[in-house]
């Protein structure tokens, strides 16, 4: 069954190849925006901050420097959007940040759109608005009710159509302009394969549908523990991995939540995809990383799992240990966190000769055993 006309277009139903996903910044809430199907150019809105002033920043989070203030009622011109740190206001809670025409960023939580928020373009490399368009080489592309060619066909889009994209979903592998598992949810609530699109002038990294906003590093160790303790204890109840061990591993492997993989895609343990996100993760995303062997290390890229939130990452971590036979001996010590750490290390969880020792030091220093109760 052909999804699109033109030379070189074919469907690949095998799931052996990881999605080709590259770019920058991402994540959007579940559900459609109720936005129009056409993409807005520069959109005009007003600041709504109840008589105060809204900080405009050099980037899309409160970690970025303040670059001026905008008074309540100020008219602003938005060129594109990114999805970053969640901000709450009387208007809404959202992770959307708007890049203004002058290059500064403001939290969309404080922006009033009349009569409704348009389908703002995503920001690509350098904050430039990107324009994904249908590229079939001639004929139209089918639009589906879900991220697969098995879903009901609900329409067609002509070659060259510019699209208003809400978020991306993992679905059937398609080979065309690229080979990708990624399908895009349109503002109309329908899906089209990323493989049949071209991004100009660069590609934006889109959020996964239903994914919670990216995080910023916790200001103190206790705030980080408050963020991960609940999900770790939930994972302990489900998979019998001591919460103290899970939290210590998250601290060690995410750098207290500072890694880009953790902040954007809630992956606290560096779990890779190897072709599939599995039953818990939302999808896979390419990240720069390093591989080591033979006494040397080198830069490369790899596909890592992207999660809805920290709870998804903690659950997948527990599932990984339970389902891998090499860690079976560790579960004889679910009530002994120190010994559990030693056993997973002995089974090959990490190559560092001090990995278990490091985990135990962290558990003792921060009294992580309290979370095992």
Protein backbone atom coordinates (compact mmCIF):
# COMPACT_ATOMS: atom_id res chain seq x y z
CA UNK A 1 0.00 0.00 0.00
CA UNK A 2 1.62 3.28 -1.07
CA UNK A 3 1.38 6.19 1.39
CA UNK A 4 2.61 8.81 -1.03
CA UNK A 5 3.25 9.37 -4.71
CA UNK A 6 6.57 10.18 -6.36
CA UNK A 7 9.82 8.27 -6.90
CA UNK A 8 11.59 6.44 -4.09
CA UNK A 9 8.64 6.31 -1.68
CA UNK A 10 8.06 3.01 0.08
CA UNK A 11 6.78 1.68 3.39
CA UNK A 12 9.02 -0.28 5.76
CA UNK A 13 7.14 -2.39 8.28
CA UNK A 14 10.16 -3.92 9.98
CA UNK A 15 11.05 -2.42 13.38
CA UNK A 16 14.79 -3.12 13.33
CA UNK A 17 16.00 0.42 12.63
CA UNK A 18 15.94 3.22 15.23
CA UNK A 19 14.18 6.44 14.31
CA UNK A 20 16.22 9.21 12.75
CA UNK A 21 15.51 12.06 15.15
CA UNK A 22 17.92 14.98 15.36
CA UNK A 23 17.58 18.67 16.30
CA UNK A 24 17.04 20.79 19.41
CA UNK A 25 14.53 21.66 22.17
CA UNK A 26 11.24 19.89 22.79
CA UNK A 27 8.10 18.58 24.57
CA UNK A 28 4.37 19.32 24.58
CA UNK A 29 1.39 18.41 26.70
CA UNK A 30 -1.02 15.69 25.71
CA UNK A 31 -4.11 16.67 23.79
CA UNK A 32 -4.62 19.02 20.86
CA UNK A 33 -4.56 22.79 21.27
CA UNK A 34 -7.73 23.49 19.38
CA UNK A 35 -5.52 25.51 17.06
CA UNK A 36 -6.11 26.16 13.36
CA UNK A 37 -4.57 23.75 10.88
CA UNK A 38 -2.50 26.51 9.25
CA UNK A 39 0.74 27.75 10.78
CA UNK A 40 0.88 31.31 12.01
CA UNK A 41 3.75 33.57 10.95
CA UNK A 42 4.62 36.17 13.53
CA UNK A 43 1.70 36.19 15.96
CA UNK A 44 0.65 39.14 18.12
CA UNK A 45 -0.45 38.68 21.74
CA UNK A 46 -0.37 40.61 25.02
CA UNK A 47 1.33 40.11 28.38
CA UNK A 48 -1.04 39.24 31.23
CA UNK A 49 0.56 39.55 34.66
CA UNK A 50 -2.00 41.38 36.81
CA UNK A 51 -0.38 44.78 36.96
CA UNK A 52 3.20 43.52 37.31
CA UNK A 53 6.10 42.96 34.95
CA UNK A 54 7.07 39.80 33.06
CA UNK A 55 10.74 38.91 32.79
CA UNK A 56 11.98 38.46 29.23
CA UNK A 57 14.98 36.10 29.18
CA UNK A 58 17.89 35.16 26.97
CA UNK A 59 16.61 31.57 26.75
CA UNK A 60 13.53 29.46 27.49
CA UNK A 61 13.83 28.87 31.26
CA UNK A 62 14.31 30.70 34.52
CA UNK A 63 17.94 29.54 34.43
CA UNK A 64 18.56 32.04 31.63
CA UNK A 65 19.45 35.64 32.35
CA UNK A 66 16.78 38.34 32.54
CA UNK A 67 17.01 40.54 29.45
CA UNK A 68 14.40 43.13 30.32
CA UNK A 69 10.82 43.32 31.57
CA UNK A 70 7.45 43.66 29.87
CA UNK A 71 4.61 45.49 31.58
CA UNK A 72 1.14 44.02 31.96
CA UNK A 73 -0.79 44.61 28.73
CA UNK A 74 2.30 44.96 26.54
CA UNK A 75 1.82 43.79 22.96
CA UNK A 76 4.36 41.18 21.90
CA UNK A 77 5.21 39.59 18.56
CA UNK A 78 5.99 35.87 18.75
CA UNK A 79 8.07 34.31 15.99
CA UNK A 80 8.32 30.69 17.24
CA UNK A 81 7.99 28.46 20.30
CA UNK A 82 9.98 25.92 22.29
CA UNK A 83 8.92 23.57 25.06
CA UNK A 84 10.91 23.86 28.24
CA UNK A 85 10.46 24.47 31.97
CA UNK A 86 6.86 24.43 33.19
CA UNK A 87 5.54 27.76 34.48
CA UNK A 88 2.17 28.35 36.17
CA UNK A 89 0.09 31.51 36.21
CA UNK A 90 -3.58 32.38 36.75
CA UNK A 91 -4.00 31.88 32.99
CA UNK A 92 -2.48 28.40 32.64
CA UNK A 93 0.33 26.02 33.49
CA UNK A 94 2.47 25.18 30.48
CA UNK A 95 5.97 24.33 29.33
CA UNK A 96 5.66 26.46 26.20
CA UNK A 97 8.02 29.41 25.94
CA UNK A 98 7.63 32.00 23.19
CA UNK A 99 10.57 33.46 21.28
CA UNK A 100 9.85 37.09 20.54
CA UNK A 101 10.72 38.88 17.32
CA UNK A 102 13.62 40.57 19.14
CA UNK A 103 15.15 37.20 20.15
CA UNK A 104 14.11 37.19 23.82
CA UNK A 105 11.93 34.50 25.44
CA UNK A 106 8.88 34.75 27.68
CA UNK A 107 6.85 32.05 29.43
CA UNK A 108 3.63 31.43 27.51
CA UNK A 109 1.85 31.00 30.85
CA UNK A 110 1.71 34.81 31.02
CA UNK A 111 0.69 35.43 27.42
CA UNK A 112 -2.92 36.19 26.50
CA UNK A 113 -3.94 35.18 22.98
CA UNK A 114 -7.04 36.61 21.36
CA UNK A 115 -9.28 35.00 20.35
CA UNK A 116 -7.22 31.79 20.80
CA UNK A 117 -3.63 30.62 20.59
CA UNK A 118 -2.62 30.10 16.95
CA UNK A 119 -0.47 27.21 15.75
CA UNK A 120 2.87 28.90 16.36
CA UNK A 121 5.88 27.57 14.48
CA UNK A 122 8.58 25.65 16.34
CA UNK A 123 12.02 27.17 16.79
CA UNK A 124 14.82 25.38 15.00
CA UNK A 125 18.58 25.89 15.19
CA UNK A 126 19.50 29.36 16.37
CA UNK A 127 15.89 30.15 17.27
CA UNK A 128 14.87 30.40 13.62
CA UNK A 129 11.22 29.46 12.90
CA UNK A 130 11.04 26.15 11.08
CA UNK A 131 8.54 25.19 8.41
CA UNK A 132 7.85 21.45 8.01
CA UNK A 133 6.25 20.76 4.66
CA UNK A 134 4.90 17.69 2.90
CA UNK A 135 7.53 16.39 0.45
CA UNK A 136 6.34 13.42 -1.58
CA UNK A 137 7.94 14.21 -4.91
CA UNK A 138 4.59 14.82 -6.51
CA UNK A 139 1.40 13.26 -5.16
CA UNK A 140 -0.45 13.79 -1.87
CA UNK A 141 0.31 12.12 1.46
CA UNK A 142 -2.30 10.19 3.40
CA UNK A 143 -3.37 11.54 6.80
CA UNK A 144 -4.26 8.86 9.36
CA UNK A 145 -6.29 8.55 12.53
CA UNK A 146 -3.24 7.05 14.33
CA UNK A 147 0.54 6.68 13.88
CA UNK A 148 0.37 3.73 11.50
CA UNK A 149 -0.82 2.91 7.98
CA UNK A 150 -3.24 0.46 9.60
CA UNK A 151 -5.16 3.43 11.07
CA UNK A 152 -8.11 4.85 9.17
CA UNK A 153 -7.26 7.23 6.36
CA UNK A 154 -8.93 10.53 7.23
CA UNK A 155 -7.68 12.78 4.48
CA UNK A 156 -4.83 13.82 2.21
CA UNK A 157 -2.31 16.64 2.17
CA UNK A 158 -0.92 18.02 -1.06
CA UNK A 159 2.80 18.07 -1.77
CA UNK A 160 4.27 21.33 -0.37
CA UNK A 161 1.62 21.80 2.36
CA UNK A 162 3.03 23.53 5.46
CA UNK A 163 1.93 21.82 8.68
CA UNK A 164 0.95 22.86 12.21
CA UNK A 165 2.50 20.13 14.39
CA UNK A 166 1.55 19.61 18.03
CA UNK A 167 3.85 16.73 19.05
CA UNK A 168 5.30 13.43 17.84
CA UNK A 169 4.33 9.83 18.52
CA UNK A 170 6.23 6.57 18.03
CA UNK A 171 4.62 4.48 15.32
CA UNK A 172 5.11 2.38 12.23
CA UNK A 173 8.52 2.64 10.57
CA UNK A 174 8.36 4.56 7.29
CA UNK A 175 11.14 5.06 4.72
CA UNK A 176 10.97 8.05 2.38
CA UNK A 177 12.95 11.29 2.76
CA UNK A 178 14.31 9.72 5.96
CA UNK A 179 13.64 6.45 7.75
CA UNK A 180 11.64 7.13 10.90
CA UNK A 181 9.26 5.71 13.46
CA UNK A 182 8.11 9.24 14.28
CA UNK A 183 4.60 10.33 13.34
CA UNK A 184 3.40 13.87 13.92
CA UNK A 185 0.13 14.81 15.54
CA UNK A 186 -1.32 17.74 13.64
CA UNK A 187 -3.40 20.54 15.14
CA UNK A 188 -6.37 18.85 13.46
CA UNK A 189 -5.86 15.77 15.69
CA UNK A 190 -4.61 13.58 12.84
CA UNK A 191 -1.24 11.97 12.06
CA UNK A 192 1.31 12.09 9.25
CA UNK A 193 4.67 10.31 9.06
CA UNK A 194 7.77 12.42 9.64
CA UNK A 195 9.46 10.47 6.84
CA UNK A 196 7.24 12.28 4.35
CA UNK A 197 8.12 15.78 5.54
CA UNK A 198 10.99 18.16 4.94
CA UNK A 199 12.00 20.71 7.59
CA UNK A 200 13.24 24.13 6.45
CA UNK A 201 15.57 25.75 7.25
CA UNK A 202 16.41 23.21 9.99
CA UNK A 203 14.74 20.46 11.98
CA UNK A 204 13.19 21.11 15.38
CA UNK A 205 13.29 18.45 18.07
CA UNK A 206 9.64 17.91 18.91
CA UNK A 207 8.15 16.77 22.19
CA UNK A 208 6.56 13.36 22.52
CA UNK A 209 2.79 13.46 22.83
CA UNK A 210 1.82 13.31 26.49
CA UNK A 211 5.33 14.09 27.73
CA UNK A 212 5.68 16.31 30.79
CA UNK A 213 7.74 19.49 30.40
CA UNK A 214 11.53 19.34 30.64
CA UNK A 215 12.97 19.96 34.10
CA UNK A 216 15.64 22.30 35.39
CA UNK A 217 18.28 21.09 37.88
CA UNK A 218 17.07 21.02 41.46
CA UNK A 219 18.58 23.80 43.58
CA UNK A 220 19.49 21.46 46.46
CA UNK A 221 19.97 17.71 47.00
CA UNK A 222 16.78 17.54 49.05
CA UNK A 223 14.75 19.11 46.26
CA UNK A 224 16.14 16.52 43.84
CA UNK A 225 15.25 13.74 46.29
CA UNK A 226 11.74 15.14 46.60
CA UNK A 227 11.45 14.95 42.80
CA UNK A 228 12.51 11.31 42.45
CA UNK A 229 11.62 9.63 45.75
CA UNK A 230 7.95 9.03 44.90
CA UNK A 231 8.66 7.46 41.49
CA UNK A 232 11.48 5.35 42.97
CA UNK A 233 9.21 4.01 45.72
CA UNK A 234 6.51 3.28 43.16
CA UNK A 235 9.08 1.32 41.16
CA UNK A 236 10.14 -0.54 44.30
CA UNK A 237 6.57 -1.68 44.94
CA UNK A 238 6.25 -2.91 41.37
CA UNK A 239 9.69 -4.45 40.73
CA UNK A 240 11.30 -4.95 44.19
CA UNK A 241 14.35 -2.80 43.41
CA UNK A 242 15.20 -0.91 46.64
CA UNK A 243 14.25 2.74 46.24
CA UNK A 244 17.54 3.72 47.88
CA UNK A 245 19.50 1.95 45.14
CA UNK A 246 17.35 3.42 42.36
CA UNK A 247 17.77 6.95 43.72
CA UNK A 248 21.54 6.53 44.19
CA UNK A 249 21.85 5.29 40.61
CA UNK A 250 19.77 8.23 39.36
CA UNK A 251 22.04 10.65 41.24
CA UNK A 252 25.18 9.06 39.87
CA UNK A 253 24.03 8.56 36.29
CA UNK A 254 22.11 11.79 35.74
CA UNK A 255 24.48 14.07 37.66
CA UNK A 256 21.71 15.06 40.09
CA UNK A 257 19.36 15.60 37.15
CA UNK A 258 21.68 17.96 35.26
CA UNK A 259 22.18 15.86 32.12
CA UNK A 260 20.36 16.97 28.98
CA UNK A 261 18.94 13.48 28.55
CA UNK A 262 17.38 13.67 32.01
CA UNK A 263 16.17 17.24 31.75
CA UNK A 264 14.48 16.94 28.37
CA UNK A 265 13.41 13.31 28.15
CA UNK A 266 13.24 12.27 31.84
CA UNK A 267 15.78 9.47 31.29
CA UNK A 268 17.66 9.15 34.59
CA UNK A 269 19.67 6.01 33.79
CA UNK A 270 20.88 6.42 30.22
CA UNK A 271 18.76 3.49 28.97
CA UNK A 272 19.21 3.17 25.22
CA UNK A 273 16.61 2.14 22.68
CA UNK A 274 18.34 -0.52 20.56
CA UNK A 275 15.58 -0.09 17.98
CA UNK A 276 12.53 0.13 20.26
CA UNK A 277 11.32 2.27 23.18
CA UNK A 278 9.75 -0.79 24.81
CA UNK A 279 6.36 -0.80 26.54
CA UNK A 280 7.00 2.14 28.90
CA UNK A 281 8.96 4.85 27.08
CA UNK A 282 7.21 7.18 24.62
CA UNK A 283 9.87 7.07 21.94
CA UNK A 284 13.56 7.32 21.09
CA UNK A 285 15.77 10.36 20.56
CA UNK A 286 19.34 10.72 19.32
CA UNK A 287 21.90 12.25 21.69
CA UNK A 288 25.62 12.88 21.49
CA UNK A 289 27.50 10.47 23.74
CA UNK A 290 30.81 8.64 24.14
CA UNK A 291 31.69 4.99 23.68
CA UNK A 292 34.75 3.38 25.22
CA UNK A 293 36.70 0.22 24.47
CA UNK A 294 40.24 -1.04 24.08
CA UNK A 295 41.53 1.58 26.48
CA UNK A 296 40.18 4.56 24.55
CA UNK A 297 36.94 6.56 24.19
CA UNK A 298 35.45 8.38 21.21
CA UNK A 299 32.46 10.69 20.53
CA UNK A 300 29.41 9.22 18.83
CA UNK A 301 25.61 9.40 18.87
CA UNK A 302 23.12 6.89 20.21
CA UNK A 303 19.36 6.47 20.49
CA UNK A 304 18.03 6.86 24.05
CA UNK A 305 14.57 6.25 25.46
CA UNK A 306 12.32 9.23 26.12
CA UNK A 307 9.81 9.01 28.98
CA UNK A 308 6.60 10.72 29.96
CA UNK A 309 8.10 11.68 33.33
CA UNK A 310 10.45 10.45 36.07
CA UNK A 311 8.01 7.69 37.02
CA UNK A 312 8.34 6.17 33.56
CA UNK A 313 12.12 6.19 33.79
CA UNK A 314 12.11 4.58 37.26
CA UNK A 315 9.65 1.91 36.15
CA UNK A 316 11.66 1.04 33.04
CA UNK A 317 14.80 0.82 35.17
CA UNK A 318 13.12 -1.70 37.49
CA UNK A 319 11.71 -3.63 34.56
CA UNK A 320 15.16 -3.78 32.95
CA UNK A 321 16.68 -5.34 36.08
CA UNK A 322 13.82 -7.79 36.63
CA UNK A 323 13.69 -9.05 33.06
CA UNK A 324 17.46 -9.42 32.59
CA UNK A 325 18.50 -12.86 33.92
CA UNK A 326 21.99 -11.69 34.83
CA UNK A 327 20.56 -9.64 37.74
CA UNK A 328 18.47 -12.49 39.19
CA UNK A 329 20.75 -12.99 42.20
CA UNK A 330 20.34 -9.37 43.27
CA UNK A 331 16.64 -9.86 44.00
CA UNK A 332 17.48 -12.26 46.82
CA UNK A 333 18.62 -9.07 48.58
CA UNK A 334 15.75 -6.68 47.89
CA UNK A 335 15.67 -6.01 51.64
CA UNK A 336 19.40 -5.31 51.78
CA UNK A 337 20.16 -2.28 49.57
CA UNK A 338 23.95 -2.39 50.02
CA UNK A 339 24.13 -6.03 48.99
CA UNK A 340 21.69 -5.39 46.11
CA UNK A 341 24.07 -2.70 44.81
CA UNK A 342 27.01 -5.10 45.05
CA UNK A 343 25.14 -7.86 43.21
CA UNK A 344 24.05 -5.75 40.23
CA UNK A 345 27.62 -4.47 39.97
CA UNK A 346 29.00 -8.01 40.02
CA UNK A 347 26.50 -8.93 37.29
CA UNK A 348 27.96 -6.27 35.01
CA UNK A 349 25.67 -3.26 35.42
CA UNK A 350 28.66 -0.88 35.22
CA UNK A 351 32.31 -1.23 34.25
CA UNK A 352 33.66 1.13 36.92
CA UNK A 353 35.46 -0.95 39.59
CA UNK A 354 34.07 1.36 42.30
CA UNK A 355 30.45 1.52 41.08
CA UNK A 356 28.87 -0.36 44.02
CA UNK A 357 31.09 1.46 46.50
CA UNK A 358 30.01 4.80 45.04
CA UNK A 359 26.32 3.86 45.29
CA UNK A 360 26.67 2.80 48.92
CA UNK A 361 28.50 6.03 49.80
CA UNK A 362 25.66 8.06 48.27
CA UNK A 363 23.00 6.00 50.06
CA UNK A 364 24.72 6.53 53.40
CA UNK A 365 25.57 10.21 52.94
CA UNK A 366 21.99 11.18 52.09
CA UNK A 367 20.28 8.47 54.16
CA UNK A 368 18.45 7.12 51.14
CA UNK A 369 17.47 4.05 53.13
CA UNK A 370 14.61 6.11 54.57
CA UNK A 371 12.85 5.77 51.22
CA UNK A 372 12.80 1.96 51.45
CA UNK A 373 10.32 1.96 54.32
